[in-house]
PDB file of N, CA and C in Angstrom:
ATOM      1  N   UNK A   1      99.068 104.975 124.048  1.00  0.00           N
ATOM      2  CA  UNK A   1      98.820 105.373 122.628  1.00  0.00           C
ATOM      3  C   UNK A   1      97.680 105.407 121.753  1.00  0.00           C
ATOM      4  N   UNK A   2      96.796 104.191 122.451  1.00  0.00           N
ATOM      5  CA  UNK A   2      95.271 103.623 123.130  1.00  0.00           C
ATOM      6  C   UNK A   2      94.979 104.210 124.179  1.00  0.00           C
ATOM      7  N   UNK A   3      94.760 104.280 124.373  1.00  0.00           N
ATOM      8  CA  UNK A   3      93.849 105.667 125.610  1.00  0.00           C
ATOM      9  C   UNK A   3      92.339 106.137 125.041  1.00  0.00           C
ATOM     10  N   UNK A   4      91.414 106.314 125.198  1.00  0.00           N
ATOM     11  CA  UNK A   4      90.328 106.347 124.309  1.00  0.00           C
ATOM     12  C   UNK A   4      89.660 107.284 125.878  1.00  0.00           C
ATOM     13  N   UNK A   5      90.173 107.134 127.249  1.00  0.00           N
ATOM     14  CA  UNK A   5      89.967 107.640 128.094  1.00  0.00           C
ATOM     15  C   UNK A   5      90.422 108.605 128.527  1.00  0.00           C
ATOM     16  N   UNK A   6      89.628 110.053 129.259  1.00  0.00           N
ATOM     17  CA  UNK A   6      89.995 110.681 129.189  1.00  0.00           C
ATOM     18  C   UNK A   6      90.887 111.052 131.126  1.00  0.00           C
ATOM     19  N   UNK A   7      89.699 110.378 131.503  1.00  0.00           N
ATOM     20  CA  UNK A   7      89.923 110.759 133.048  1.00  0.00           C
ATOM     21  C   UNK A   7      91.570 109.550 133.214  1.00  0.00           C
ATOM     22  N   UNK A   8      91.478 109.028 132.982  1.00  0.00           N
ATOM     23  CA  UNK A   8      92.649 107.467 132.413  1.00  0.00           C
ATOM     24  C   UNK A   8      94.340 108.917 131.969  1.00  0.00           C
ATOM     25  N   UNK A   9      93.788 109.113 130.544  1.00  0.00           N
ATOM     26  CA  UNK A   9      95.221 110.335 130.873  1.00  0.00           C
ATOM     27  C   UNK A   9      96.375 110.843 130.923  1.00  0.00           C
ATOM     28  N   UNK A  10      95.830 111.300 132.556  1.00  0.00           N
ATOM     29  CA  UNK A  10      97.083 111.483 132.928  1.00  0.00           C
ATOM     30  C   UNK A  10      97.401 110.373 134.240  1.00  0.00           C
ATOM     31  N   UNK A  11      96.741 109.686 134.400  1.00  0.00           N
ATOM     32  CA  UNK A  11      97.949 108.186 134.232  1.00  0.00           C
ATOM     33  C   UNK A  11      98.427 107.411 134.204  1.00  0.00           C
ATOM     34  N   UNK A  12      97.683 107.282 132.675  1.00  0.00           N
ATOM     35  CA  UNK A  12      99.013 106.497 131.778  1.00  0.00           C
ATOM     36  C   UNK A  12     100.089 107.078 131.586  1.00  0.00           C
ATOM     37  N   UNK A  13     100.041 108.837 131.292  1.00  0.00           N
ATOM     38  CA  UNK A  13     101.408 109.826 131.375  1.00  0.00           C
ATOM     39  C   UNK A  13     101.845 109.430 131.931  1.00  0.00           C
ATOM     40  N   UNK A  14     101.784 109.516 133.622  1.00  0.00           N
ATOM     41  CA  UNK A  14     102.710 109.593 134.424  1.00  0.00           C
ATOM     42  C   UNK A  14     103.515 108.028 134.664  1.00  0.00           C
ATOM     43  N   UNK A  15     102.468 106.715 134.032  1.00  0.00           N
ATOM     44  CA  UNK A  15     102.822 105.857 134.061  1.00  0.00           C
ATOM     45  C   UNK A  15     103.951 105.064 132.479  1.00  0.00           C
ATOM     46  N   UNK A  16     104.366 106.095 131.753  1.00  0.00           N
ATOM     47  CA  UNK A  16     104.830 106.251 130.864  1.00  0.00           C
ATOM     48  C   UNK A  16     106.351 107.084 131.128  1.00  0.00           C
ATOM     49  N   UNK A  17     105.850 108.222 131.807  1.00  0.00           N
ATOM     50  CA  UNK A  17     107.058 108.956 132.202  1.00  0.00           C
ATOM     51  C   UNK A  17     107.923 108.637 133.182  1.00  0.00           C
ATOM     52  N   UNK A  18     107.290 107.568 134.319  1.00  0.00           N
ATOM     53  CA  UNK A  18     108.491 106.355 135.289  1.00  0.00           C
ATOM     54  C   UNK A  18     108.632 105.717 134.354  1.00  0.00           C
ATOM     55  N   UNK A  19     108.128 104.982 133.435  1.00  0.00           N
ATOM     56  CA  UNK A  19     108.999 104.034 132.183  1.00  0.00           C
ATOM     57  C   UNK A  19     110.025 103.939 132.471  1.00  0.00           C
ATOM     58  N   UNK A  20     109.739 106.141 131.453  1.00  0.00           N
ATOM     59  CA  UNK A  20     111.291 106.277 131.005  1.00  0.00           C
ATOM     60  C   UNK A  20     112.891 107.171 131.476  1.00  0.00           C
ATOM     61  N   UNK A  21     111.133 107.039 133.247  1.00  0.00           N
ATOM     62  CA  UNK A  21     113.048 107.915 133.612  1.00  0.00           C
ATOM     63  C   UNK A  21     113.399 106.747 134.685  1.00  0.00           C
ATOM     64  N   UNK A  22     112.649 105.334 134.698  1.00  0.00           N
ATOM     65  CA  UNK A  22     114.058 104.386 134.559  1.00  0.00           C
ATOM     66  C   UNK A  22     114.963 103.713 133.314  1.00  0.00           C
ATOM     67  N   UNK A  23     114.495 104.584 132.759  1.00  0.00           N
ATOM     68  CA  UNK A  23     114.769 103.443 130.732  1.00  0.00           C
ATOM     69  C   UNK A  23     116.200 104.637 131.141  1.00  0.00           C
ATOM     70  N   UNK A  24     116.148 105.665 131.602  1.00  0.00           N
ATOM     71  CA  UNK A  24     116.952 107.511 131.284  1.00  0.00           C
ATOM     72  C   UNK A  24     118.165 105.938 132.760  1.00  0.00           C
ATOM     73  N   UNK A  25     117.433 105.363 133.492  1.00  0.00           N
ATOM     74  CA  UNK A  25     117.705 105.158 135.095  1.00  0.00           C
ATOM     75  C   UNK A  25     119.306 104.110 134.835  1.00  0.00           C
ATOM     76  N   UNK A  26     118.918 103.216 134.281  1.00  0.00           N
ATOM     77  CA  UNK A  26     119.242 102.356 133.271  1.00  0.00           C
ATOM     78  C   UNK A  26     120.439 103.175 132.569  1.00  0.00           C
ATOM     79  N   UNK A  27     120.489 103.336 131.389  1.00  0.00           N
ATOM     80  CA  UNK A  27     122.114 104.050 130.716  1.00  0.00           C
ATOM     81  C   UNK A  27     122.620 104.442 131.800  1.00  0.00           C
ATOM     82  N   UNK A  28     121.827 105.508 132.819  1.00  0.00           N
ATOM     83  CA  UNK A  28     122.679 106.239 133.143  1.00  0.00           C
ATOM     84  C   UNK A  28     123.869 105.091 133.552  1.00  0.00           C
ATOM     85  N   UNK A  29     123.343 104.451 134.564  1.00  0.00           N
ATOM     86  CA  UNK A  29     124.649 103.182 135.597  1.00  0.00           C
ATOM     87  C   UNK A  29     125.436 102.282 134.540  1.00  0.00           C
ATOM     88  N   UNK A  30     124.800 102.350 132.905  1.00  0.00           N
ATOM     89  CA  UNK A  30     125.258 100.958 131.713  1.00  0.00           C
ATOM     90  C   UNK A  30     126.689 101.748 131.257  1.00  0.00           C
ATOM     91  N   UNK A  31     126.743 103.327 131.536  1.00  0.00           N
ATOM     92  CA  UNK A  31     128.593 103.784 131.318  1.00  0.00           C
ATOM     93  C   UNK A  31     128.186 103.617 130.247  1.00  0.00           C
ATOM     94  N   UNK A  32     126.962 103.728 129.347  1.00  0.00           N
ATOM     95  CA  UNK A  32     126.487 104.229 127.589  1.00  0.00           C
ATOM     96  C   UNK A  32     127.756 104.493 126.972  1.00  0.00           C
ATOM     97  N   UNK A  33     127.635 104.461 125.168  1.00  0.00           N
ATOM     98  CA  UNK A  33     125.723 105.327 124.962  1.00  0.00           C
ATOM     99  C   UNK A  33     124.554 104.346 124.915  1.00  0.00           C
ATOM    100  N   UNK A  34     125.199 103.212 125.503  1.00  0.00           N
ATOM    101  CA  UNK A  34     123.694 102.109 124.743  1.00  0.00           C
ATOM    102  C   UNK A  34     123.504 101.127 126.249  1.00  0.00           C
ATOM    103  N   UNK A  35     122.687 100.520 126.833  1.00  0.00           N
ATOM    104  CA  UNK A  35     121.849  99.641 128.383  1.00  0.00           C
ATOM    105  C   UNK A  35     123.524  99.277 128.663  1.00  0.00           C
ATOM    106  N   UNK A  36     123.795  98.314 128.345  1.00  0.00           N
ATOM    107  CA  UNK A  36     124.557  97.569 129.098  1.00  0.00           C
ATOM    108  C   UNK A  36     126.166  98.875 128.957  1.00  0.00           C
ATOM    109  N   UNK A  37     126.421  98.809 128.085  1.00  0.00           N
ATOM    110  CA  UNK A  37     127.707 100.394 127.806  1.00  0.00           C
ATOM    111  C   UNK A  37     128.390 100.468 126.215  1.00  0.00           C
ATOM    112  N   UNK A  38     129.280 100.694 126.462  1.00  0.00           N
ATOM    113  CA  UNK A  38     129.927 101.027 124.679  1.00  0.00           C
ATOM    114  C   UNK A  38     129.629  99.887 123.265  1.00  0.00           C
ATOM    115  N   UNK A  39     128.770  99.076 123.124  1.00  0.00           N
ATOM    116  CA  UNK A  39     128.100  98.583 121.783  1.00  0.00           C
ATOM    117  C   UNK A  39     126.684  98.248 121.812  1.00  0.00           C
ATOM    118  N   UNK A  40     126.483  97.859 121.430  1.00  0.00           N
ATOM    119  CA  UNK A  40     124.948  97.991 121.040  1.00  0.00           C
ATOM    120  C   UNK A  40     124.262  95.657 121.543  1.00  0.00           C
ATOM    121  N   UNK A  41     123.661  96.254 121.749  1.00  0.00           N
ATOM    122  CA  UNK A  41     123.405  94.621 122.446  1.00  0.00           C
ATOM    123  C   UNK A  41     121.620  94.253 121.802  1.00  0.00           C
ATOM    124  N   UNK A  42     121.708  92.882 122.523  1.00  0.00           N
ATOM    125  CA  UNK A  42     119.842  93.076 121.614  1.00  0.00           C
ATOM    126  C   UNK A  42     119.241  93.291 122.335  1.00  0.00           C
ATOM    127  N   UNK A  43     119.528  93.713 123.921  1.00  0.00           N
ATOM    128  CA  UNK A  43     118.205  95.152 124.856  1.00  0.00           C
ATOM    129  C   UNK A  43     118.835  95.975 123.361  1.00  0.00           C
ATOM    130  N   UNK A  44     119.393  97.333 123.300  1.00  0.00           N
ATOM    131  CA  UNK A  44     118.941  98.031 122.500  1.00  0.00           C
ATOM    132  C   UNK A  44     118.265  97.707 120.984  1.00  0.00           C
ATOM    133  N   UNK A  45     118.868  96.331 120.527  1.00  0.00           N
ATOM    134  CA  UNK A  45     117.308  96.290 119.348  1.00  0.00           C
ATOM    135  C   UNK A  45     115.897  96.087 119.913  1.00  0.00           C
ATOM    136  N   UNK A  46     115.936  95.535 121.713  1.00  0.00           N
ATOM    137  CA  UNK A  46     114.732  95.485 121.269  1.00  0.00           C
ATOM    138  C   UNK A  46     114.201  97.515 121.696  1.00  0.00           C
ATOM    139  N   UNK A  47     114.910  98.203 122.362  1.00  0.00           N
ATOM    140  CA  UNK A  47     113.950  98.892 122.611  1.00  0.00           C
ATOM    141  C   UNK A  47     114.221 100.155 121.786  1.00  0.00           C
ATOM    142  N   UNK A  48     115.172 100.727 121.597  1.00  0.00           N
ATOM    143  CA  UNK A  48     115.433 101.155 120.113  1.00  0.00           C
ATOM    144  C   UNK A  48     113.428 101.334 119.454  1.00  0.00           C
ATOM    145  N   UNK A  49     113.484 100.519 119.205  1.00  0.00           N
ATOM    146  CA  UNK A  49     111.959 101.354 118.359  1.00  0.00           C
ATOM    147  C   UNK A  49     110.691 101.075 118.744  1.00  0.00           C
ATOM    148  N   UNK A  50     110.890 100.271 120.129  1.00  0.00           N
ATOM    149  CA  UNK A  50     109.347 101.056 121.275  1.00  0.00           C
ATOM    150  C   UNK A  50     109.934 102.517 121.256  1.00  0.00           C
ATOM    151  N   UNK A  51     111.076 102.434 121.567  1.00  0.00           N
ATOM    152  CA  UNK A  51     111.704 104.649 121.473  1.00  0.00           C
ATOM    153  C   UNK A  51     111.364 105.080 120.807  1.00  0.00           C
ATOM    154  N   UNK A  52     111.101 105.279 119.019  1.00  0.00           N
ATOM    155  CA  UNK A  52     110.781 105.405 118.296  1.00  0.00           C
ATOM    156  C   UNK A  52     109.243 105.819 117.823  1.00  0.00           C
ATOM    157  N   UNK A  53     108.732 104.484 118.026  1.00  0.00           N
ATOM    158  CA  UNK A  53     107.104 104.905 118.065  1.00  0.00           C
ATOM    159  C   UNK A  53     106.886 105.827 119.212  1.00  0.00           C
ATOM    160  N   UNK A  54     107.397 105.668 120.674  1.00  0.00           N
ATOM    161  CA  UNK A  54     107.144 107.015 121.708  1.00  0.00           C
ATOM    162  C   UNK A  54     107.264 107.926 120.845  1.00  0.00           C
ATOM    163  N   UNK A  55     108.464 108.439 121.024  1.00  0.00           N
ATOM    164  CA  UNK A  55     109.026 109.752 120.075  1.00  0.00           C
ATOM    165  C   UNK A  55     107.771 110.015 118.544  1.00  0.00           C
ATOM    166  N   UNK A  56     107.800 109.529 118.045  1.00  0.00           N
ATOM    167  CA  UNK A  56     107.485 110.019 116.903  1.00  0.00           C
ATOM    168  C   UNK A  56     105.834 109.676 116.903  1.00  0.00           C
ATOM    169  N   UNK A  57     104.855 108.444 117.681  1.00  0.00           N
ATOM    170  CA  UNK A  57     103.378 108.642 118.018  1.00  0.00           C
ATOM    171  C   UNK A  57     102.781 109.476 118.548  1.00  0.00           C
ATOM    172  N   UNK A  58     103.262 108.876 120.064  1.00  0.00           N
ATOM    173  CA  UNK A  58     103.149 110.240 121.114  1.00  0.00           C
ATOM    174  C   UNK A  58     103.470 111.571 120.785  1.00  0.00           C
ATOM    175  N   UNK A  59     104.674 111.999 120.557  1.00  0.00           N
ATOM    176  CA  UNK A  59     104.107 113.434 119.652  1.00  0.00           C
ATOM    177  C   UNK A  59     104.071 113.458 118.879  1.00  0.00           C
ATOM    178  N   UNK A  60     102.855 113.530 118.540  1.00  0.00           N
ATOM    179  CA  UNK A  60     102.120 113.443 117.003  1.00  0.00           C
ATOM    180  C   UNK A  60     100.724 113.416 118.192  1.00  0.00           C
ATOM    181  N   UNK A  61     100.193 112.566 118.266  1.00  0.00           N
ATOM    182  CA  UNK A  61      99.247 112.301 118.731  1.00  0.00           C
ATOM    183  C   UNK A  61      99.140 112.744 119.942  1.00  0.00           C
ATOM    184  N   UNK A  62      99.329 112.905 120.623  1.00  0.00           N
ATOM    185  CA  UNK A  62     100.082 112.998 122.153  1.00  0.00           C
ATOM    186  C   UNK A  62     100.450 114.134 122.853  1.00  0.00           C
ATOM    187  N   UNK A  63     100.941 114.650 122.001  1.00  0.00           N
ATOM    188  CA  UNK A  63     102.278 115.986 121.665  1.00  0.00           C
ATOM    189  C   UNK A  63     102.859 116.080 122.850  1.00  0.00           C
ATOM    190  N   UNK A  64     103.463 114.383 123.356  1.00  0.00           N
ATOM    191  CA  UNK A  64     104.152 114.748 124.579  1.00  0.00           C
ATOM    192  C   UNK A  64     105.727 114.387 124.036  1.00  0.00           C
ATOM    193  N   UNK A  65     106.728 115.276 124.823  1.00  0.00           N
ATOM    194  CA  UNK A  65     107.990 114.812 124.484  1.00  0.00           C
ATOM    195  C   UNK A  65     108.859 114.536 125.231  1.00  0.00           C
ATOM    196  N   UNK A  66     110.043 113.925 124.953  1.00  0.00           N
ATOM    197  CA  UNK A  66     110.595 113.389 125.700  1.00  0.00           C
ATOM    198  C   UNK A  66     111.491 114.896 126.086  1.00  0.00           C
ATOM    199  N   UNK A  67     112.035 115.293 124.990  1.00  0.00           N
ATOM    200  CA  UNK A  67     113.099 116.511 125.833  1.00  0.00           C
ATOM    201  C   UNK A  67     111.804 117.833 127.349  1.00  0.00           C
ATOM    202  N   UNK A  68     113.094 117.888 128.133  1.00  0.00           N
ATOM    203  CA  UNK A  68     112.437 118.686 128.711  1.00  0.00           C
ATOM    204  C   UNK A  68     111.618 118.176 130.720  1.00  0.00           C
ATOM    205  N   UNK A  69     112.347 116.688 130.763  1.00  0.00           N
ATOM    206  CA  UNK A  69     112.008 116.183 131.701  1.00  0.00           C
ATOM    207  C   UNK A  69     113.386 115.670 132.204  1.00  0.00           C
ATOM    208  N   UNK A  70     114.151 115.748 131.449  1.00  0.00           N
ATOM    209  CA  UNK A  70     115.507 116.155 132.396  1.00  0.00           C
ATOM    210  C   UNK A  70     116.548 115.019 132.679  1.00  0.00           C
ATOM    211  N   UNK A  71     115.912 114.103 130.585  1.00  0.00           N
ATOM    212  CA  UNK A  71     116.388 112.671 131.148  1.00  0.00           C
ATOM    213  C   UNK A  71     117.695 113.040 130.550  1.00  0.00           C
ATOM    214  N   UNK A  72     119.090 113.057 130.557  1.00  0.00           N
ATOM    215  CA  UNK A  72     119.749 113.210 129.626  1.00  0.00           C
ATOM    216  C   UNK A  72     119.808 111.534 128.803  1.00  0.00           C
ATOM    217  N   UNK A  73     120.254 111.385 130.145  1.00  0.00           N
ATOM    218  CA  UNK A  73     121.752 109.623 129.187  1.00  0.00           C
ATOM    219  C   UNK A  73     120.147 109.114 128.114  1.00  0.00           C
ATOM    220  N   UNK A  74     118.623 109.631 128.896  1.00  0.00           N
ATOM    221  CA  UNK A  74     117.704 108.927 127.103  1.00  0.00           C
ATOM    222  C   UNK A  74     117.117 110.182 126.495  1.00  0.00           C
ATOM    223  N   UNK A  75     117.719 111.419 126.234  1.00  0.00           N
ATOM    224  CA  UNK A  75     117.952 112.185 125.218  1.00  0.00           C
ATOM    225  C   UNK A  75     119.113 111.442 124.794  1.00  0.00           C
ATOM    226  N   UNK A  76     119.875 111.560 124.605  1.00  0.00           N
ATOM    227  CA  UNK A  76     121.144 111.375 124.236  1.00  0.00           C
ATOM    228  C   UNK A  76     121.698 110.119 123.559  1.00  0.00           C
ATOM    229  N   UNK A  77     120.947 108.805 124.608  1.00  0.00           N
ATOM    230  CA  UNK A  77     120.320 107.529 123.810  1.00  0.00           C
ATOM    231  C   UNK A  77     119.604 107.812 122.617  1.00  0.00           C
ATOM    232  N   UNK A  78     118.041 108.379 122.691  1.00  0.00           N
ATOM    233  CA  UNK A  78     117.409 108.882 121.398  1.00  0.00           C
ATOM    234  C   UNK A  78     118.281 108.971 119.996  1.00  0.00           C
ATOM    235  N   UNK A  79     118.684 109.668 120.458  1.00  0.00           N
ATOM    236  CA  UNK A  79     119.926 111.123 119.180  1.00  0.00           C
ATOM    237  C   UNK A  79     121.610 109.991 118.427  1.00  0.00           C
ATOM    238  N   UNK A  80     121.914 109.524 119.273  1.00  0.00           N
ATOM    239  CA  UNK A  80     122.963 108.276 118.922  1.00  0.00           C
ATOM    240  C   UNK A  80     122.351 107.488 118.129  1.00  0.00           C
ATOM    241  N   UNK A  81     121.766 106.760 118.437  1.00  0.00           N
ATOM    242  CA  UNK A  81     121.144 105.645 117.948  1.00  0.00           C
ATOM    243  C   UNK A  81     119.951 106.143 117.045  1.00  0.00           C
ATOM    244  N   UNK A  82     119.345 107.388 116.843  1.00  0.00           N
ATOM    245  CA  UNK A  82     119.149 107.193 115.648  1.00  0.00           C
ATOM    246  C   UNK A  82     120.325 107.960 114.661  1.00  0.00           C
ATOM    247  N   UNK A  83     121.583 107.736 114.945  1.00  0.00           N
ATOM    248  CA  UNK A  83     122.076 108.038 114.102  1.00  0.00           C
ATOM    249  C   UNK A  83     123.215 107.190 113.298  1.00  0.00           C
ATOM    250  N   UNK A  84     122.929 106.096 114.048  1.00  0.00           N
ATOM    251  CA  UNK A  84     123.250 104.592 113.439  1.00  0.00           C
ATOM    252  C   UNK A  84     122.163 104.541 112.171  1.00  0.00           C
ATOM    253  N   UNK A  85     124.015 104.111 111.486  1.00  0.00           N
ATOM    254  CA  UNK A  85     123.019 103.826 110.669  1.00  0.00           C
ATOM    255  C   UNK A  85     122.718 101.888 109.677  1.00  0.00           C
ATOM    256  N   UNK A  86     122.434 101.605 110.864  1.00  0.00           N
ATOM    257  CA  UNK A  86     122.042 100.225 111.081  1.00  0.00           C
ATOM    258  C   UNK A  86     120.554 100.732 111.344  1.00  0.00           C
ATOM    259  N   UNK A  87     120.360 101.786 112.575  1.00  0.00           N
ATOM    260  CA  UNK A  87     119.257 102.029 112.564  1.00  0.00           C
ATOM    261  C   UNK A  87     118.254 102.655 111.295  1.00  0.00           C
ATOM    262  N   UNK A  88     118.933 103.815 110.989  1.00  0.00           N
ATOM    263  CA  UNK A  88     118.153 104.204 109.730  1.00  0.00           C
ATOM    264  C   UNK A  88     117.717 103.206 108.676  1.00  0.00           C
ATOM    265  N   UNK A  89     118.223 102.032 108.388  1.00  0.00           N
ATOM    266  CA  UNK A  89     118.397 100.773 107.267  1.00  0.00           C
ATOM    267  C   UNK A  89     117.499 100.431 107.043  1.00  0.00           C
ATOM    268  N   UNK A  90     117.128 100.439 109.004  1.00  0.00           N
ATOM    269  CA  UNK A  90     116.603  98.803 109.743  1.00  0.00           C
ATOM    270  C   UNK A  90     114.664  99.889 109.194  1.00  0.00           C
ATOM    271  N   UNK A  91     114.917 100.775 110.714  1.00  0.00           N
ATOM    272  CA  UNK A  91     113.424 101.157 111.249  1.00  0.00           C
ATOM    273  C   UNK A  91     112.662 102.298 109.852  1.00  0.00           C
ATOM    274  N   UNK A  92     111.394 102.414 110.526  1.00  0.00           N
ATOM    275  CA  UNK A  92     110.884 102.956 108.992  1.00  0.00           C
ATOM    276  C   UNK A  92     111.015 104.428 109.413  1.00  0.00           C
ATOM    277  N   UNK A  93     110.902 105.397 108.669  1.00  0.00           N
ATOM    278  CA  UNK A  93     110.844 106.404 108.671  1.00  0.00           C
ATOM    279  C   UNK A  93     109.831 107.455 110.507  1.00  0.00           C
ATOM    280  N   UNK A  94     110.031 108.200 110.266  1.00  0.00           N
ATOM    281  CA  UNK A  94     108.033 108.978 111.420  1.00  0.00           C
ATOM    282  C   UNK A  94     107.017 108.791 111.580  1.00  0.00           C
ATOM    283  N   UNK A  95     107.600 109.414 109.838  1.00  0.00           N
ATOM    284  CA  UNK A  95     105.952 109.647 109.288  1.00  0.00           C
ATOM    285  C   UNK A  95     105.075 108.191 109.365  1.00  0.00           C
ATOM    286  N   UNK A  96     105.935 106.970 108.617  1.00  0.00           N
ATOM    287  CA  UNK A  96     105.160 105.863 108.688  1.00  0.00           C
ATOM    288  C   UNK A  96     104.579 105.068 109.895  1.00  0.00           C
ATOM    289  N   UNK A  97     105.660 105.436 110.928  1.00  0.00           N
ATOM    290  CA  UNK A  97     105.173 105.058 112.811  1.00  0.00           C
ATOM    291  C   UNK A  97     104.003 105.931 112.982  1.00  0.00           C
ATOM    292  N   UNK A  98     103.718 107.089 112.498  1.00  0.00           N
ATOM    293  CA  UNK A  98     102.577 107.785 113.028  1.00  0.00           C
ATOM    294  C   UNK A  98     101.580 107.058 112.045  1.00  0.00           C
ATOM    295  N   UNK A  99     101.484 107.010 110.312  1.00  0.00           N
ATOM    296  CA  UNK A  99     100.268 106.463 109.910  1.00  0.00           C
ATOM    297  C   UNK A  99     100.408 105.545 110.370  1.00  0.00           C
ATOM    298  N   UNK A 100     100.954 104.158 111.491  1.00  0.00           N
ATOM    299  CA  UNK A 100     100.635 102.542 111.560  1.00  0.00           C
ATOM    300  C   UNK A 100      99.308 102.980 112.820  1.00  0.00           C
ATOM    301  N   UNK A 101      99.906 104.088 113.636  1.00  0.00           N
ATOM    302  CA  UNK A 101      99.430 104.877 114.594  1.00  0.00           C
ATOM    303  C   UNK A 101      97.838 104.533 114.769  1.00  0.00           C
ATOM    304  N   UNK A 102      97.872 105.958 112.991  1.00  0.00           N
ATOM    305  CA  UNK A 102      95.954 106.682 112.592  1.00  0.00           C
ATOM    306  C   UNK A 102      94.786 105.431 112.701  1.00  0.00           C
ATOM    307  N   UNK A 103      95.241 104.194 112.490  1.00  0.00           N
ATOM    308  CA  UNK A 103      93.792 103.603 112.546  1.00  0.00           C
ATOM    309  C   UNK A 103      93.215 103.661 114.211  1.00  0.00           C
ATOM    310  N   UNK A 104      94.049 103.812 115.166  1.00  0.00           N
ATOM    311  CA  UNK A 104      94.353 104.526 116.743  1.00  0.00           C
ATOM    312  C   UNK A 104      92.681 106.085 116.465  1.00  0.00           C
ATOM    313  N   UNK A 105      92.701 106.700 116.170  1.00  0.00           N
ATOM    314  CA  UNK A 105      92.675 108.184 116.299  1.00  0.00           C
ATOM    315  C   UNK A 105      91.216 108.426 114.498  1.00  0.00           C
TER     316      UNK A 105
END
């Protein structure tokens, strides 16, 4: 997100895509819908806010989308966690995430 070097953009996007593909693999192997199976764990509590930043801020500022990469488990994870009451009560709205990143753009 903070990259200002146009020549580095492709490499950084590729690294993000590789990391998200790895998360998709973990989710597939875990039996879902969460990282270690049917229950939310501390791992999920760590990952969910980070993914929200990727979806909201990278989508807004960089035009990046999780959709269309074949990461079905990751897309399902984002949808399931977005519907959770705890997530809706704790995490800020996407527009606040975008605003928070605005100082870098």
